[in-house]
Amino acid sequence: MRPGSIPGTRGRVRPLTLLGDPVLHTPCAEVTHFDAELAALVEDMFATMYAAQGVGLAANQIGRPLKVFVYDCPDDDDVRHVGHVVNPRLVEATGLVLRGPEGCLSLPGLEAGTERHDETTVEGFTATGDPVRIEGTGFFARCLQHELDHLAGKTYADRVTGWRHKRLMRQATRASWNGARGDT
């Protein structure tokens, strides 16, 4: 991706993987080649995220089990954060643990109260192999943790417990995207 370009404008929208697809529950592999194919993947991820009206997207959400995610997400002060991370690693998750509504492009139309730290630091690389460090607070910290979970083979549904988890799974079973009938 060229500096100053609008992410996703040269990408193509890819189909989203949905809850139940094994790729969402398998830890992603490290990226070993920082090349044109990786740059194209990042562009496709931005295009797909924007088309789905999301604020973050992990590579396994479009069927590519690689450690890459993109984001265009505000923090609690409405500061917009746009970027991508290859081979990210969580450096720190601190601050308060807050339960807040969380949704996912792989569980369209659903959300549940999910606990996350309100401060997060992530390190990794850009698609060209340059080191990057991202510090997020509030909603943006939630987004970073959510995408890191995807790369570890988890969805936010895996963090929800008790009656919230039961309700979410019942809603997922009945969702039109799941092929189930809502009248069962």
C-alpha atoms as a PDB file:
ATOM      1  CA  MET A   1       0.000   0.000   0.000  1.00  0.00           C
ATOM      2  CA  ARG A   2       1.497   3.341  -1.036  1.00  0.00           C
ATOM      3  CA  PRO A   3       1.772   6.055   1.613  1.00  0.00           C
ATOM      4  CA  GLY A   4      -1.106   8.499   1.324  1.00  0.00           C
ATOM      5  CA  SER A   5      -3.305   6.158  -0.690  1.00  0.00           C
ATOM      6  CA  ILE A   6      -6.810   5.334   0.466  1.00  0.00           C
ATOM      7  CA  PRO A   7      -6.763   1.758   1.761  1.00  0.00           C
ATOM      8  CA  GLY A   8      -8.946  -0.703  -0.087  1.00  0.00           C
ATOM      9  CA  THR A   9      -9.457   1.300  -3.278  1.00  0.00           C
ATOM     10  CA  ARG A  10      -7.446  -1.212  -5.294  1.00  0.00           C
ATOM     11  CA  GLY A  11      -8.789  -4.220  -3.402  1.00  0.00           C
ATOM     12  CA  ARG A  12     -11.631  -6.574  -4.172  1.00  0.00           C
ATOM     13  CA  VAL A  13     -14.383  -7.483  -1.772  1.00  0.00           C
ATOM     14  CA  ARG A  14     -14.120 -11.098  -0.672  1.00  0.00           C
ATOM     15  CA  PRO A  15     -16.784 -13.285   0.962  1.00  0.00           C
ATOM     16  CA  LEU A  16     -16.760 -13.295   4.748  1.00  0.00           C
ATOM     17  CA  THR A  17     -16.301 -16.514   6.698  1.00  0.00           C
ATOM     18  CA  LEU A  18     -19.055 -17.013   9.237  1.00  0.00           C
ATOM     19  CA  LEU A  19     -19.253 -18.559  12.687  1.00  0.00           C
ATOM     20  CA  GLY A  20     -18.935 -22.327  12.357  1.00  0.00           C
ATOM     21  CA  ASP A  21     -16.263 -22.215   9.646  1.00  0.00           C
ATOM     22  CA  PRO A  22     -13.201 -24.096  10.982  1.00  0.00           C
ATOM     23  CA  VAL A  23     -10.817 -21.348   9.778  1.00  0.00           C
ATOM     24  CA  LEU A  24     -12.226 -19.044  12.493  1.00  0.00           C
ATOM     25  CA  HIS A  25     -11.264 -21.547  15.197  1.00  0.00           C
ATOM     26  CA  THR A  26      -7.758 -22.372  14.000  1.00  0.00           C
ATOM     27  CA  PRO A  27      -4.769 -20.245  15.077  1.00  0.00           C
ATOM     28  CA  CYS A  28      -3.369 -18.318  12.122  1.00  0.00           C
ATOM     29  CA  ALA A  29       0.113 -18.798  10.691  1.00  0.00           C
ATOM     30  CA  GLU A  30       2.920 -16.249  10.778  1.00  0.00           C
ATOM     31  CA  VAL A  31       3.458 -14.298   7.574  1.00  0.00           C
ATOM     32  CA  THR A  32       6.881 -15.127   6.125  1.00  0.00           C
ATOM     33  CA  HIS A  33       6.819 -13.219   2.814  1.00  0.00           C
ATOM     34  CA  PHE A  34       6.357  -9.466   2.712  1.00  0.00           C
ATOM     35  CA  ASP A  35       5.559  -9.160  -0.966  1.00  0.00           C
ATOM     36  CA  ALA A  36       3.000  -7.965  -3.522  1.00  0.00           C
ATOM     37  CA  GLU A  37       0.674 -10.842  -2.619  1.00  0.00           C
ATOM     38  CA  LEU A  38       0.580  -9.673   1.018  1.00  0.00           C
ATOM     39  CA  ALA A  39      -0.021  -6.070  -0.061  1.00  0.00           C
ATOM     40  CA  ALA A  40      -2.925  -7.244  -2.251  1.00  0.00           C
ATOM     41  CA  LEU A  41      -4.365  -9.226   0.671  1.00  0.00           C
ATOM     42  CA  VAL A  42      -4.284  -6.108   2.877  1.00  0.00           C
ATOM     43  CA  GLU A  43      -6.033  -4.110   0.132  1.00  0.00           C
ATOM     44  CA  ASP A  44      -8.702  -6.817  -0.233  1.00  0.00           C
ATOM     45  CA  MET A  45      -9.184  -6.867   3.529  1.00  0.00           C
ATOM     46  CA  PHE A  46      -9.762  -3.110   3.653  1.00  0.00           C
ATOM     47  CA  ALA A  47     -12.195  -3.302   0.723  1.00  0.00           C
ATOM     48  CA  THR A  48     -14.081  -6.154   2.399  1.00  0.00           C
ATOM     49  CA  MET A  49     -14.169  -4.421   5.787  1.00  0.00           C
ATOM     50  CA  TYR A  50     -15.523  -1.212   4.269  1.00  0.00           C
ATOM     51  CA  ALA A  51     -18.111  -3.055   2.166  1.00  0.00           C
ATOM     52  CA  ALA A  52     -19.346  -4.846   5.310  1.00  0.00           C
ATOM     53  CA  GLN A  53     -19.289  -1.582   7.312  1.00  0.00           C
ATOM     54  CA  GLY A  54     -16.903  -2.950   9.919  1.00  0.00           C
ATOM     55  CA  VAL A  55     -14.162  -1.338  11.983  1.00  0.00           C
ATOM     56  CA  GLY A  56     -11.699  -4.251  11.853  1.00  0.00           C
ATOM     57  CA  LEU A  57     -11.092  -7.439   9.912  1.00  0.00           C
ATOM     58  CA  ALA A  58      -8.714 -10.376  10.385  1.00  0.00           C
ATOM     59  CA  ALA A  59      -7.401 -12.390   7.439  1.00  0.00           C
ATOM     60  CA  ASN A  60      -9.129 -15.592   8.561  1.00  0.00           C
ATOM     61  CA  GLN A  61     -12.444 -13.756   8.250  1.00  0.00           C
ATOM     62  CA  ILE A  62     -11.937 -13.939   4.487  1.00  0.00           C
ATOM     63  CA  GLY A  63     -10.608 -17.484   4.618  1.00  0.00           C
ATOM     64  CA  ARG A  64      -6.878 -16.732   4.783  1.00  0.00           C
ATOM     65  CA  PRO A  65      -5.407 -18.162   8.010  1.00  0.00           C
ATOM     66  CA  LEU A  66      -2.565 -15.642   8.264  1.00  0.00           C
ATOM     67  CA  LYS A  67      -1.622 -13.267  11.084  1.00  0.00           C
ATOM     68  CA  VAL A  68      -2.856 -10.046   9.501  1.00  0.00           C
ATOM     69  CA  PHE A  69      -5.580  -7.613  10.470  1.00  0.00           C
ATOM     70  CA  VAL A  70      -6.792  -4.225   9.271  1.00  0.00           C
ATOM     71  CA  TYR A  71      -8.701  -1.526  11.134  1.00  0.00           C
ATOM     72  CA  ASP A  72     -10.458   1.798  10.680  1.00  0.00           C
ATOM     73  CA  CYS A  73     -11.747   2.428  14.164  1.00  0.00           C
ATOM     74  CA  PRO A  74     -12.375   5.400  16.438  1.00  0.00           C
ATOM     75  CA  ASP A  75     -11.340   5.554  20.047  1.00  0.00           C
ATOM     76  CA  ASP A  76     -13.580   6.945  22.777  1.00  0.00           C
ATOM     77  CA  ASP A  77     -12.460  10.495  21.910  1.00  0.00           C
ATOM     78  CA  ASP A  78     -13.578  10.005  18.271  1.00  0.00           C
ATOM     79  CA  VAL A  79      -9.985   9.975  17.020  1.00  0.00           C
ATOM     80  CA  ARG A  80      -9.903   7.792  13.904  1.00  0.00           C
ATOM     81  CA  HIS A  81      -7.232   5.077  13.686  1.00  0.00           C
ATOM     82  CA  VAL A  82      -6.569   3.473  10.278  1.00  0.00           C
ATOM     83  CA  GLY A  83      -3.975   0.826   9.575  1.00  0.00           C
ATOM     84  CA  HIS A  84      -2.976  -2.794   9.404  1.00  0.00           C
ATOM     85  CA  VAL A  85      -0.678  -5.127  11.333  1.00  0.00           C
ATOM     86  CA  VAL A  86       1.166  -8.209  10.137  1.00  0.00           C
ATOM     87  CA  ASN A  87       2.300 -10.788  12.713  1.00  0.00           C
ATOM     88  CA  PRO A  88       0.917  -8.725  15.589  1.00  0.00           C
ATOM     89  CA  ARG A  89       1.644  -9.547  19.177  1.00  0.00           C
ATOM     90  CA  LEU A  90      -0.030  -8.200  22.275  1.00  0.00           C
ATOM     91  CA  VAL A  91       2.511  -6.199  24.261  1.00  0.00           C
ATOM     92  CA  GLU A  92       0.160  -5.034  26.966  1.00  0.00           C
ATOM     93  CA  ALA A  93      -3.522  -4.975  27.904  1.00  0.00           C
ATOM     94  CA  THR A  94      -4.075  -2.759  30.932  1.00  0.00           C
ATOM     95  CA  GLY A  95      -6.469  -0.333  32.505  1.00  0.00           C
ATOM     96  CA  LEU A  96      -9.982  -1.180  33.511  1.00  0.00           C
ATOM     97  CA  VAL A  97     -11.712  -4.341  32.328  1.00  0.00           C
ATOM     98  CA  LEU A  98     -15.030  -3.213  30.919  1.00  0.00           C
ATOM     99  CA  ARG A  99     -17.962  -5.185  29.576  1.00  0.00           C
ATOM    100  CA  GLY A 100     -19.301  -3.551  26.447  1.00  0.00           C
ATOM    101  CA  PRO A 101     -21.343  -4.476  23.409  1.00  0.00           C
ATOM    102  CA  GLU A 102     -19.294  -6.277  20.811  1.00  0.00           C
ATOM    103  CA  GLY A 103     -20.230  -7.509  17.373  1.00  0.00           C
ATOM    104  CA  CYS A 104     -18.367  -9.220  14.550  1.00  0.00           C
ATOM    105  CA  LEU A 105     -18.560  -9.380  10.776  1.00  0.00           C
ATOM    106  CA  SER A 106     -18.442 -13.176  11.104  1.00  0.00           C
ATOM    107  CA  LEU A 107     -21.582 -13.113  13.288  1.00  0.00           C
ATOM    108  CA  PRO A 108     -23.562 -10.491  11.334  1.00  0.00           C
ATOM    109  CA  GLY A 109     -26.313  -8.697  13.191  1.00  0.00           C
ATOM    110  CA  LEU A 110     -25.441 -10.146  16.608  1.00  0.00           C
ATOM    111  CA  GLU A 111     -23.710  -8.671  19.626  1.00  0.00           C
ATOM    112  CA  ALA A 112     -23.074  -9.469  23.265  1.00  0.00           C
ATOM    113  CA  GLY A 113     -21.524  -7.833  26.293  1.00  0.00           C
ATOM    114  CA  THR A 114     -17.839  -8.807  26.211  1.00  0.00           C
ATOM    115  CA  GLU A 115     -15.129  -7.972  28.730  1.00  0.00           C
ATOM    116  CA  ARG A 116     -11.991  -6.232  27.419  1.00  0.00           C
ATOM    117  CA  HIS A 117      -9.205  -4.069  28.805  1.00  0.00           C
ATOM    118  CA  ASP A 118      -9.554  -0.395  27.943  1.00  0.00           C
ATOM    119  CA  GLU A 119      -5.864   0.098  27.052  1.00  0.00           C
ATOM    120  CA  THR A 120      -3.921  -2.062  24.609  1.00  0.00           C
ATOM    121  CA  THR A 121      -0.497  -1.989  22.966  1.00  0.00           C
ATOM    122  CA  VAL A 122       0.253  -4.135  19.918  1.00  0.00           C
ATOM    123  CA  GLU A 123       3.492  -4.509  17.959  1.00  0.00           C
ATOM    124  CA  GLY A 124       4.022  -6.065  14.563  1.00  0.00           C
ATOM    125  CA  PHE A 125       4.907  -5.097  11.015  1.00  0.00           C
ATOM    126  CA  THR A 126       3.442  -3.340   8.014  1.00  0.00           C
ATOM    127  CA  ALA A 127       2.912  -5.176   4.726  1.00  0.00           C
ATOM    128  CA  THR A 128       6.341  -3.895   3.643  1.00  0.00           C
ATOM    129  CA  GLY A 129       8.027  -5.342   6.752  1.00  0.00           C
ATOM    130  CA  ASP A 130       8.470  -2.104   8.686  1.00  0.00           C
ATOM    131  CA  PRO A 131       8.000  -2.370  12.469  1.00  0.00           C
ATOM    132  CA  VAL A 132       4.828  -0.802  13.863  1.00  0.00           C
ATOM    133  CA  ARG A 133       3.575  -0.152  17.394  1.00  0.00           C
ATOM    134  CA  ILE A 134      -0.069   0.685  18.033  1.00  0.00           C
ATOM    135  CA  GLU A 135      -1.494   1.973  21.284  1.00  0.00           C
ATOM    136  CA  GLY A 136      -5.247   1.954  21.663  1.00  0.00           C
ATOM    137  CA  THR A 137      -7.681   3.132  24.287  1.00  0.00           C
ATOM    138  CA  GLY A 138     -11.406   2.636  24.756  1.00  0.00           C
ATOM    139  CA  PHE A 139     -13.277   1.286  21.755  1.00  0.00           C
ATOM    140  CA  PHE A 140     -10.086   1.131  19.677  1.00  0.00           C
ATOM    141  CA  ALA A 141      -8.419  -1.018  22.383  1.00  0.00           C
ATOM    142  CA  ARG A 142     -11.463  -3.309  22.204  1.00  0.00           C
ATOM    143  CA  CYS A 143     -11.060  -3.539  18.414  1.00  0.00           C
ATOM    144  CA  LEU A 144      -7.370  -4.455  18.664  1.00  0.00           C
ATOM    145  CA  GLN A 145      -8.061  -7.197  21.220  1.00  0.00           C
ATOM    146  CA  HIS A 146     -10.973  -8.502  19.113  1.00  0.00           C
ATOM    147  CA  GLU A 147      -8.767  -8.836  16.009  1.00  0.00           C
ATOM    148  CA  LEU A 148      -5.941 -10.456  17.993  1.00  0.00           C
ATOM    149  CA  ASP A 149      -8.450 -13.031  19.233  1.00  0.00           C
ATOM    150  CA  HIS A 150      -9.376 -13.861  15.630  1.00  0.00           C
ATOM    151  CA  LEU A 151      -5.737 -14.561  14.808  1.00  0.00           C
ATOM    152  CA  ALA A 152      -5.554 -16.903  17.817  1.00  0.00           C
ATOM    153  CA  GLY A 153      -8.540 -18.857  16.476  1.00  0.00           C
ATOM    154  CA  LYS A 154     -11.175 -17.281  18.723  1.00  0.00           C
ATOM    155  CA  THR A 155     -14.243 -15.105  18.273  1.00  0.00           C
ATOM    156  CA  TYR A 156     -15.788 -12.815  20.843  1.00  0.00           C
ATOM    157  CA  ALA A 157     -18.403 -15.540  21.381  1.00  0.00           C
ATOM    158  CA  ASP A 158     -15.632 -17.601  23.005  1.00  0.00           C
ATOM    159  CA  ARG A 159     -15.201 -14.876  25.652  1.00  0.00           C
ATOM    160  CA  VAL A 160     -18.889 -14.574  26.495  1.00  0.00           C
ATOM    161  CA  THR A 161     -20.049 -16.772  29.373  1.00  0.00           C
ATOM    162  CA  GLY A 162     -23.187 -17.835  31.177  1.00  0.00           C
ATOM    163  CA  TRP A 163     -26.599 -16.695  29.987  1.00  0.00           C
ATOM    164  CA  ARG A 164     -25.033 -14.208  27.555  1.00  0.00           C
ATOM    165  CA  HIS A 165     -23.246 -17.063  25.783  1.00  0.00           C
ATOM    166  CA  LYS A 166     -26.379 -19.217  25.673  1.00  0.00           C
ATOM    167  CA  ARG A 167     -28.424 -16.345  24.257  1.00  0.00           C
ATOM    168  CA  LEU A 168     -25.770 -15.507  21.656  1.00  0.00           C
ATOM    169  CA  MET A 169     -25.484 -19.128  20.490  1.00  0.00           C
ATOM    170  CA  ARG A 170     -29.276 -19.422  20.293  1.00  0.00           C
ATOM    171  CA  GLN A 171     -29.388 -16.240  18.162  1.00  0.00           C
ATOM    172  CA  ALA A 172     -26.561 -17.534  15.943  1.00  0.00           C
ATOM    173  CA  THR A 173     -28.382 -20.834  15.412  1.00  0.00           C
ATOM    174  CA  ARG A 174     -31.498 -18.965  14.299  1.00  0.00           C
ATOM    175  CA  ALA A 175     -29.702 -16.366  12.161  1.00  0.00           C
ATOM    176  CA  SER A 176     -30.530 -16.333   8.456  1.00  0.00           C
ATOM    177  CA  TRP A 177     -26.828 -16.475   7.545  1.00  0.00           C
ATOM    178  CA  ASN A 178     -26.511 -19.755   9.470  1.00  0.00           C
ATOM    179  CA  GLY A 179     -28.982 -21.536   7.212  1.00  0.00           C
ATOM    180  CA  ALA A 180     -31.216 -22.287  10.191  1.00  0.00           C
ATOM    181  CA  ARG A 181     -34.902 -21.492  10.353  1.00  0.00           C
ATOM    182  CA  GLY A 182     -35.948 -18.851  12.837  1.00  0.00           C
ATOM    183  CA  ASP A 183     -39.258 -20.618  13.531  1.00  0.00           C
ATOM    184  CA  THR A 184     -37.798 -23.751  15.142  1.00  0.00           C
END
